[in-house]
Amino acid sequence: MLQLERVFPALSEPTMRRYLMGQGVSVLGSWTQNVTLNLVVYHLSGSAAVLALLNFLLYGPQLVIAPLAGARVNAANARRSTLSVLYSSMTVACILAVLSLLHWLTLPVILALALCAGVLNAIETPSRQVLLLTGLDDPALLPNAIAMNTMVYNVGRMVGPSMAAIIYPMFGQAAAFLTYAAALVFMAWCVRSMPRRATAASSPSHDRGGLRNALVYVLDDRFTAKYLSILACMGLLAGSYQTLVPLLADRVFHDAARYTGVFFACAGMGALAAAVVLSSSIASRTASLLRFAPWIACLALALLSISWSSAVSGVAFVLLGFCLSFSATSTNATIQRRCPESVRGALVGLYGMAYNGTMPFGYLLVGSFSEAFTVTGAFGTMAAVLAACLGLLTLLYWRKT
């Protein structure tokens, strides 16, 4: 354990270890439920458009709800807010399980509950992040804690779909939903076992002005303004690559079942590698990579546009996963380290809006590219438009940030 704490310093704090345990289990459960919902909806509808609508409802609320919720979250109420959302999400999962057992789970009901889950997730994102940041005894560990949180999320992203692929066919959809409910029970226990922090309650007027103050801070801080804008472009034009993976595997390499899994695994490996690097003690030596990572993502997309070898495409997906995870985590950690406490919750929400909130729209945009061009042409278009956006932002924020 001591060796791990040298490489991952945030693990030296018991509160952090407890939080990460709960986070890991809940992320696994979340992916199990979301993948199961996709499978159930596909079996009920057989429509790609309905699948797109489902995922828009699951992830789209991040664009609007996350910054509004973040403006209301602070060190004083983060614990209470997180627990409230966990209990509400647990209720949604249990309703899904009961309706599945009664065979009352229809498509409109699933979409309505997916919207509820999406809204709750958008509220939970800033609440959990503020809880994580305010739970640290040593503020110097903040960047490492954020990176560790990202690493746990990426491990869950790699393992969660595999759990769904086992639980759903073997035990049924109700079991998958109950798995998520049980994971939320464990996360709630971890949060409740974290020590309470003595903090002064924020006034209502301060809360109402939280989002406005955060927007003023973003406009005044060149680093935050520049890199939140870059993340929005990456979420829209690079983070949405997942839509094209099955098409690339089928139309270029003619084996959708095999190469879809391989390419997703490569992207997951890259994301996990970035999280491990950022959460380890060598993170300080990689800080300058942030300015180059978005351009490397452009290069990875360009490589995918001229795919001639599965090995080259695999390397491109590793680079893409690494750059997306590195840019998002490093930007978030740097912003949280620099910002004043009064705007932290709202900034977490703006970060979620900039990156996660743009991805659902990216799915629709990239789908249009693939219809207008070939799948490799869509990757090329993504690379060109992202490079143009990065060039414009670089010129706009030419002065040193």
Protein backbone atom coordinates (compact mmCIF):
# COMPACT_ATOMS: atom_id res chain seq x y z
CA MET A 1 0.00 0.00 0.00
CA LEU A 2 2.87 2.36 0.81
CA GLN A 3 4.32 1.76 -2.66
CA LEU A 4 0.97 2.63 -4.25
CA GLU A 5 0.77 5.82 -2.19
CA ARG A 6 4.16 6.93 -3.55
CA VAL A 7 2.92 6.55 -7.13
CA PHE A 8 -0.65 7.72 -6.41
CA PRO A 9 -0.33 10.20 -3.50
CA ALA A 10 -4.08 10.79 -3.11
CA LEU A 11 -4.49 7.22 -1.83
CA SER A 12 -2.69 8.28 1.35
CA GLU A 13 -5.98 9.78 2.58
CA PRO A 14 -8.61 7.31 3.90
CA THR A 15 -11.45 9.56 2.69
CA MET A 16 -10.11 9.42 -0.84
CA ARG A 17 -9.74 5.63 -0.76
CA ARG A 18 -13.33 5.30 0.45
CA TYR A 19 -14.67 7.67 -2.19
CA LEU A 20 -12.80 5.91 -5.03
CA MET A 21 -14.09 2.50 -3.95
CA GLY A 22 -17.66 3.73 -4.14
CA GLN A 23 -17.04 5.59 -7.38
CA GLY A 24 -15.55 2.50 -9.02
CA VAL A 25 -18.49 0.28 -8.08
CA SER A 26 -21.13 2.85 -9.08
CA VAL A 27 -19.49 3.52 -12.47
CA LEU A 28 -19.51 -0.22 -13.20
CA GLY A 29 -23.20 -0.33 -12.30
CA SER A 30 -23.99 2.76 -14.36
CA TRP A 31 -22.44 1.32 -17.52
CA THR A 32 -24.21 -1.99 -16.88
CA GLN A 33 -27.59 -0.22 -16.75
CA ASN A 34 -26.95 2.07 -19.74
CA VAL A 35 -25.70 -0.72 -22.01
CA THR A 36 -28.67 -2.87 -20.97
CA LEU A 37 -31.05 -0.01 -21.81
CA ASN A 38 -29.47 0.22 -25.27
CA LEU A 39 -29.93 -3.52 -25.81
CA VAL A 40 -33.53 -3.49 -24.58
CA VAL A 41 -34.45 -0.48 -26.74
CA TYR A 42 -32.83 -2.04 -29.79
CA HIS A 43 -34.76 -5.27 -29.27
CA LEU A 44 -38.02 -3.36 -28.83
CA SER A 45 -37.58 -0.92 -31.73
CA GLY A 46 -34.85 -2.20 -34.04
CA SER A 47 -34.26 1.47 -34.87
CA ALA A 48 -30.94 3.32 -34.84
CA ALA A 49 -32.85 6.60 -34.56
CA VAL A 50 -34.55 5.47 -31.34
CA LEU A 51 -31.16 4.37 -29.98
CA ALA A 52 -29.79 7.83 -30.75
CA LEU A 53 -32.77 9.38 -28.93
CA LEU A 54 -32.17 7.12 -25.91
CA ASN A 55 -28.52 8.15 -25.63
CA PHE A 56 -29.41 11.80 -26.15
CA LEU A 57 -31.80 11.55 -23.18
CA LEU A 58 -29.16 9.78 -21.08
CA TYR A 59 -26.34 12.23 -21.77
CA GLY A 60 -27.88 15.37 -23.28
CA PRO A 61 -28.98 16.97 -19.97
CA GLN A 62 -25.30 17.55 -19.16
CA LEU A 63 -25.39 20.53 -21.51
CA VAL A 64 -28.01 22.50 -19.55
CA ILE A 65 -28.53 20.87 -16.16
CA ALA A 66 -24.89 20.42 -15.09
CA PRO A 67 -23.94 24.14 -15.01
CA LEU A 68 -27.24 25.11 -13.34
CA ALA A 69 -26.82 22.42 -10.70
CA GLY A 70 -23.13 23.22 -10.26
CA ALA A 71 -24.01 26.82 -9.43
CA ARG A 72 -25.99 25.58 -6.43
CA VAL A 73 -23.41 23.09 -5.14
CA ASN A 74 -20.74 24.08 -2.64
CA ALA A 75 -18.67 22.53 0.12
CA ALA A 76 -21.55 22.88 2.58
CA ASN A 77 -24.18 20.97 0.60
CA ALA A 78 -22.16 18.66 -1.71
CA ARG A 79 -22.58 15.64 0.58
CA ARG A 80 -26.34 16.11 0.98
CA SER A 81 -26.80 16.76 -2.75
CA THR A 82 -24.81 13.67 -3.72
CA LEU A 83 -26.78 11.42 -1.38
CA SER A 84 -30.11 12.81 -2.62
CA VAL A 85 -29.17 12.06 -6.23
CA LEU A 86 -27.88 8.59 -5.33
CA TYR A 87 -31.18 7.70 -3.62
CA SER A 88 -33.19 9.10 -6.56
CA SER A 89 -31.10 7.16 -9.10
CA MET A 90 -31.58 4.05 -6.97
CA THR A 91 -35.34 4.57 -7.20
CA VAL A 92 -35.18 4.85 -11.01
CA ALA A 93 -33.13 1.64 -11.23
CA CYS A 94 -35.57 -0.21 -8.97
CA ILE A 95 -38.56 1.01 -11.03
CA LEU A 96 -36.86 -0.31 -14.18
CA ALA A 97 -36.26 -3.66 -12.49
CA VAL A 98 -39.84 -3.99 -11.19
CA LEU A 99 -41.38 -3.02 -14.54
CA SER A 100 -39.09 -5.54 -16.25
CA LEU A 101 -40.23 -8.34 -13.93
CA LEU A 102 -43.87 -7.40 -14.54
CA HIS A 103 -43.29 -7.12 -18.33
CA TRP A 104 -44.58 -3.56 -18.29
CA LEU A 105 -41.39 -1.96 -19.62
CA THR A 106 -42.52 -0.31 -22.86
CA LEU A 107 -40.53 1.99 -25.11
CA PRO A 108 -42.17 5.28 -23.95
CA VAL A 109 -41.63 4.29 -20.31
CA ILE A 110 -37.95 3.50 -20.96
CA LEU A 111 -37.40 6.85 -22.69
CA ALA A 112 -39.13 8.73 -19.84
CA LEU A 113 -37.01 6.97 -17.22
CA ALA A 114 -33.89 7.51 -19.34
CA LEU A 115 -34.59 11.26 -19.23
CA CYS A 116 -34.92 11.06 -15.43
CA ALA A 117 -31.62 9.17 -15.24
CA GLY A 118 -29.95 11.72 -17.51
CA VAL A 119 -31.12 14.67 -15.42
CA LEU A 120 -30.01 12.97 -12.19
CA ASN A 121 -26.61 12.17 -13.68
CA ALA A 122 -26.19 15.80 -14.77
CA ILE A 123 -26.92 16.96 -11.20
CA GLU A 124 -24.68 14.30 -9.71
CA THR A 125 -21.59 15.22 -11.78
CA PRO A 126 -20.86 18.58 -10.09
CA SER A 127 -22.06 17.30 -6.70
CA ARG A 128 -19.65 14.37 -6.68
CA GLN A 129 -16.79 16.48 -8.00
CA VAL A 130 -17.20 19.14 -5.30
CA LEU A 131 -17.54 16.39 -2.68
CA LEU A 132 -14.29 14.88 -3.93
CA LEU A 133 -12.43 18.17 -3.90
CA THR A 134 -13.67 19.37 -0.52
CA GLY A 135 -13.05 15.96 1.07
CA LEU A 136 -9.27 16.29 0.76
CA ASP A 137 -7.23 17.15 3.84
CA ASP A 138 -4.25 18.20 1.69
CA PRO A 139 -5.27 20.64 -1.09
CA ALA A 140 -1.99 19.92 -2.88
CA LEU A 141 -3.38 16.48 -3.77
CA LEU A 142 -6.26 18.01 -5.77
CA PRO A 143 -4.84 17.35 -9.30
CA ASN A 144 -3.92 13.80 -8.32
CA ALA A 145 -7.39 13.19 -6.85
CA ILE A 146 -9.12 14.39 -10.04
CA ALA A 147 -6.87 12.19 -12.16
CA MET A 148 -7.50 9.19 -9.90
CA ASN A 149 -11.23 9.80 -10.24
CA THR A 150 -10.85 9.82 -14.04
CA MET A 151 -8.79 6.64 -13.94
CA VAL A 152 -11.51 4.86 -11.95
CA TYR A 153 -14.12 6.09 -14.44
CA ASN A 154 -12.13 4.77 -17.41
CA VAL A 155 -11.67 1.38 -15.77
CA GLY A 156 -15.44 1.28 -15.28
CA ARG A 157 -15.97 2.29 -18.90
CA MET A 158 -13.84 -0.65 -20.03
CA VAL A 159 -15.32 -3.27 -17.68
CA GLY A 160 -18.94 -2.11 -17.33
CA PRO A 161 -20.09 -3.04 -20.87
CA SER A 162 -18.54 -6.48 -20.42
CA MET A 163 -20.56 -6.94 -17.21
CA ALA A 164 -23.73 -6.00 -19.08
CA ALA A 165 -22.85 -8.49 -21.82
CA ILE A 166 -22.73 -11.23 -19.16
CA ILE A 167 -25.58 -10.22 -16.82
CA TYR A 168 -28.20 -9.32 -19.45
CA PRO A 169 -28.24 -12.59 -21.46
CA MET A 170 -27.66 -14.86 -18.46
CA PHE A 171 -29.90 -13.31 -15.79
CA GLY A 172 -32.14 -10.87 -17.67
CA GLN A 173 -32.57 -7.13 -17.79
CA ALA A 174 -34.06 -6.85 -14.30
CA ALA A 175 -30.85 -8.29 -12.84
CA ALA A 176 -28.82 -5.65 -14.70
CA PHE A 177 -30.96 -2.84 -13.28
CA LEU A 178 -30.76 -4.31 -9.76
CA THR A 179 -26.97 -4.52 -10.16
CA TYR A 180 -26.89 -0.74 -10.61
CA ALA A 181 -29.22 -0.23 -7.63
CA ALA A 182 -26.91 -2.35 -5.45
CA ALA A 183 -23.90 -0.38 -6.69
CA LEU A 184 -25.63 2.86 -5.69
CA VAL A 185 -26.32 1.46 -2.22
CA PHE A 186 -22.60 0.82 -1.83
CA MET A 187 -21.70 4.29 -3.12
CA ALA A 188 -24.19 5.88 -0.71
CA TRP A 189 -22.60 3.93 2.16
CA CYS A 190 -19.15 5.19 1.13
CA VAL A 191 -20.36 8.80 0.97
CA ARG A 192 -22.11 8.55 4.35
CA SER A 193 -18.94 7.12 5.91
CA MET A 194 -16.88 10.11 4.74
CA PRO A 195 -16.28 12.60 7.58
CA ARG A 196 -18.33 15.77 7.54
CA ARG A 197 -16.42 18.99 6.95
CA ALA A 198 -17.08 22.03 9.06
CA THR A 199 -18.09 24.64 6.47
CA ALA A 200 -20.11 27.78 6.54
CA ALA A 201 -23.40 27.60 4.70
CA SER A 202 -23.66 29.69 1.57
CA SER A 203 -26.30 32.34 1.39
CA PRO A 204 -29.13 32.05 -1.15
CA SER A 205 -28.02 35.19 -2.95
CA HIS A 206 -24.54 33.74 -3.33
CA ASP A 207 -25.99 30.53 -4.83
CA ARG A 208 -28.15 32.38 -7.32
CA GLY A 209 -25.14 34.34 -8.50
CA GLY A 210 -22.87 31.30 -8.65
CA LEU A 211 -23.27 30.62 -12.36
CA ARG A 212 -22.98 34.29 -13.25
CA ASN A 213 -19.83 34.63 -11.14
CA ALA A 214 -18.36 31.53 -12.77
CA LEU A 215 -19.05 32.91 -16.25
CA VAL A 216 -17.36 36.18 -15.28
CA TYR A 217 -14.39 34.20 -13.98
CA VAL A 218 -14.15 32.23 -17.23
CA LEU A 219 -14.16 35.40 -19.29
CA ASP A 220 -11.46 36.94 -17.10
CA ASP A 221 -9.21 33.86 -16.92
CA ARG A 222 -7.60 33.19 -20.28
CA PHE A 223 -6.53 29.62 -19.51
CA THR A 224 -10.03 28.59 -18.45
CA ALA A 225 -11.70 30.33 -21.40
CA LYS A 226 -9.28 28.83 -23.91
CA TYR A 227 -9.26 25.25 -22.71
CA LEU A 228 -12.99 25.00 -21.99
CA SER A 229 -13.51 26.14 -25.59
CA ILE A 230 -11.02 23.53 -26.80
CA LEU A 231 -12.78 20.83 -24.77
CA ALA A 232 -16.12 21.80 -26.31
CA CYS A 233 -14.63 21.39 -29.79
CA MET A 234 -13.04 18.06 -28.84
CA GLY A 235 -16.27 16.75 -27.31
CA LEU A 236 -18.22 17.74 -30.43
CA LEU A 237 -15.74 16.57 -33.09
CA ALA A 238 -13.47 13.97 -31.46
CA GLY A 239 -15.34 12.54 -28.47
CA SER A 240 -18.16 11.50 -30.81
CA TYR A 241 -15.88 9.06 -32.68
CA GLN A 242 -17.73 6.17 -31.00
CA THR A 243 -20.60 6.50 -33.47
CA LEU A 244 -18.28 5.57 -36.35
CA VAL A 245 -16.44 2.63 -34.77
CA PRO A 246 -18.94 -0.10 -35.81
CA LEU A 247 -19.13 1.41 -39.31
CA LEU A 248 -15.35 1.44 -39.68
CA ALA A 249 -15.11 -2.14 -38.43
CA ASP A 250 -17.80 -3.32 -40.85
CA ARG A 251 -17.21 -1.28 -44.01
CA VAL A 252 -13.42 -1.05 -44.00
CA PHE A 253 -12.25 -4.20 -42.19
CA HIS A 254 -15.37 -6.33 -42.92
CA ASP A 255 -15.65 -7.85 -39.44
CA ALA A 256 -17.89 -5.70 -37.25
CA ALA A 257 -18.07 -8.12 -34.31
CA ARG A 258 -14.30 -8.51 -34.00
CA TYR A 259 -12.95 -5.05 -34.78
CA THR A 260 -15.60 -3.02 -32.96
CA GLY A 261 -14.49 -4.63 -29.70
CA VAL A 262 -10.81 -4.30 -30.59
CA PHE A 263 -11.04 -0.61 -31.48
CA PHE A 264 -13.09 0.28 -28.40
CA ALA A 265 -10.56 -1.60 -26.28
CA CYS A 266 -7.71 0.37 -27.90
CA ALA A 267 -9.43 3.69 -27.14
CA GLY A 268 -10.07 2.51 -23.58
CA MET A 269 -6.41 1.55 -23.18
CA GLY A 270 -5.36 5.02 -24.30
CA ALA A 271 -7.80 6.71 -21.92
CA LEU A 272 -6.66 4.53 -19.05
CA ALA A 273 -3.00 5.22 -19.82
CA ALA A 274 -3.66 8.97 -19.71
CA ALA A 275 -5.47 8.68 -16.38
CA VAL A 276 -2.67 6.56 -14.90
CA VAL A 277 -0.04 9.08 -16.04
CA LEU A 278 -1.98 12.03 -14.63
CA SER A 279 -2.76 10.33 -11.34
CA SER A 280 0.83 9.23 -10.72
CA SER A 281 3.75 11.17 -9.32
CA ILE A 282 5.13 11.86 -12.83
CA ALA A 283 2.17 14.09 -13.76
CA SER A 284 4.16 17.29 -13.14
CA ARG A 285 6.53 16.33 -15.94
CA THR A 286 3.72 16.03 -18.50
CA ALA A 287 1.99 19.40 -17.95
CA SER A 288 3.28 20.87 -21.22
CA LEU A 289 1.60 18.04 -23.14
CA LEU A 290 -1.78 19.72 -22.68
CA ARG A 291 -1.13 22.23 -25.46
CA PHE A 292 -0.23 19.45 -27.92
CA ALA A 293 -2.83 16.80 -27.01
CA PRO A 294 -5.71 18.33 -29.06
CA TRP A 295 -3.48 18.46 -32.14
CA ILE A 296 -2.45 14.83 -31.62
CA ALA A 297 -6.16 13.98 -31.53
CA CYS A 298 -6.48 15.65 -34.96
CA LEU A 299 -3.60 13.48 -36.19
CA ALA A 300 -5.32 10.34 -34.86
CA LEU A 301 -8.56 11.26 -36.67
CA ALA A 302 -6.58 11.90 -39.87
CA LEU A 303 -4.94 8.47 -39.58
CA LEU A 304 -8.38 6.88 -39.27
CA SER A 305 -9.46 8.69 -42.44
CA ILE A 306 -6.80 6.83 -44.44
CA SER A 307 -7.15 3.49 -42.65
CA TRP A 308 -5.39 0.75 -44.55
CA SER A 309 -4.32 -1.46 -41.66
CA SER A 310 -6.11 -2.61 -38.54
CA ALA A 311 -2.85 -2.16 -36.61
CA VAL A 312 -2.55 1.49 -37.70
CA SER A 313 -6.19 2.10 -36.83
CA GLY A 314 -5.65 0.47 -33.42
CA VAL A 315 -2.73 2.82 -32.74
CA ALA A 316 -4.86 5.77 -33.85
CA PHE A 317 -7.61 4.80 -31.41
CA VAL A 318 -5.07 4.47 -28.59
CA LEU A 319 -3.82 8.01 -29.39
CA LEU A 320 -7.36 9.34 -29.60
CA GLY A 321 -8.39 7.80 -26.28
CA PHE A 322 -5.21 9.09 -24.63
CA CYS A 323 -5.61 12.66 -25.93
CA LEU A 324 -9.29 12.95 -25.04
CA SER A 325 -8.76 11.67 -21.50
CA PHE A 326 -5.55 13.65 -20.98
CA SER A 327 -7.06 16.93 -22.23
CA ALA A 328 -10.27 16.59 -20.21
CA THR A 329 -8.60 15.50 -16.96
CA SER A 330 -5.65 17.89 -17.11
CA THR A 331 -7.88 20.85 -17.97
CA ASN A 332 -10.29 20.04 -15.14
CA ALA A 333 -7.47 19.59 -12.61
CA THR A 334 -5.76 22.84 -13.62
CA ILE A 335 -8.99 24.85 -13.53
CA GLN A 336 -9.95 23.49 -10.10
CA ARG A 337 -6.49 24.22 -8.72
CA ARG A 338 -6.57 27.84 -9.95
CA CYS A 339 -10.17 28.85 -9.25
CA PRO A 340 -11.53 30.42 -6.05
CA GLU A 341 -13.77 28.27 -3.85
CA SER A 342 -16.80 30.50 -4.50
CA VAL A 343 -17.10 29.46 -8.17
CA ARG A 344 -15.83 25.87 -7.96
CA GLY A 345 -19.20 24.10 -8.17
CA ALA A 346 -20.40 26.21 -11.09
CA LEU A 347 -17.08 25.68 -12.90
CA VAL A 348 -17.46 21.91 -12.53
CA GLY A 349 -20.87 22.27 -14.18
CA LEU A 350 -19.45 24.41 -16.99
CA TYR A 351 -16.71 21.83 -17.51
CA GLY A 352 -19.36 19.09 -17.79
CA MET A 353 -21.32 21.24 -20.24
CA ALA A 354 -18.26 21.97 -22.37
CA TYR A 355 -17.08 18.37 -22.69
CA ASN A 356 -19.79 15.84 -21.87
CA GLY A 357 -22.65 18.12 -22.88
CA THR A 358 -21.41 18.60 -26.45
CA MET A 359 -20.95 14.88 -27.15
CA PRO A 360 -24.64 14.04 -27.75
CA PHE A 361 -24.77 16.73 -30.41
CA GLY A 362 -21.50 15.37 -31.77
CA TYR A 363 -23.14 11.97 -32.21
CA LEU A 364 -25.79 13.57 -34.43
CA LEU A 365 -23.22 15.66 -36.33
CA VAL A 366 -20.87 12.75 -36.96
CA GLY A 367 -23.80 10.61 -38.06
CA SER A 368 -24.57 13.27 -40.68
CA PHE A 369 -20.94 13.24 -41.83
CA SER A 370 -21.06 9.48 -42.29
CA GLU A 371 -24.23 9.78 -44.37
CA ALA A 372 -22.77 12.50 -46.56
CA PHE A 373 -19.34 10.87 -46.98
CA THR A 374 -17.84 7.44 -46.46
CA VAL A 375 -16.90 6.47 -42.92
CA THR A 376 -13.24 7.32 -43.59
CA GLY A 377 -14.38 10.60 -45.14
CA ALA A 378 -16.27 11.36 -41.94
CA PHE A 379 -13.08 10.87 -39.90
CA GLY A 380 -11.24 13.15 -42.31
CA THR A 381 -13.93 15.82 -42.01
CA MET A 382 -13.78 15.60 -38.22
CA ALA A 383 -9.99 16.04 -38.31
CA ALA A 384 -10.16 19.03 -40.67
CA VAL A 385 -12.92 20.86 -38.80
CA LEU A 386 -11.31 20.22 -35.41
CA ALA A 387 -7.94 21.47 -36.69
CA ALA A 388 -9.62 24.62 -38.04
CA CYS A 389 -11.32 25.24 -34.68
CA LEU A 390 -8.08 24.70 -32.77
CA GLY A 391 -6.27 27.07 -35.13
CA LEU A 392 -8.87 29.79 -34.60
CA LEU A 393 -8.75 29.38 -30.81
CA THR A 394 -4.95 29.45 -30.84
CA LEU A 395 -5.01 32.75 -32.73
CA LEU A 396 -7.71 34.16 -30.46
CA TYR A 397 -5.73 33.31 -27.30
CA TRP A 398 -2.29 33.96 -28.76
CA ARG A 399 -0.95 35.63 -25.64
CA LYS A 400 0.52 33.33 -23.01
CA THR A 401 -2.15 31.91 -20.69
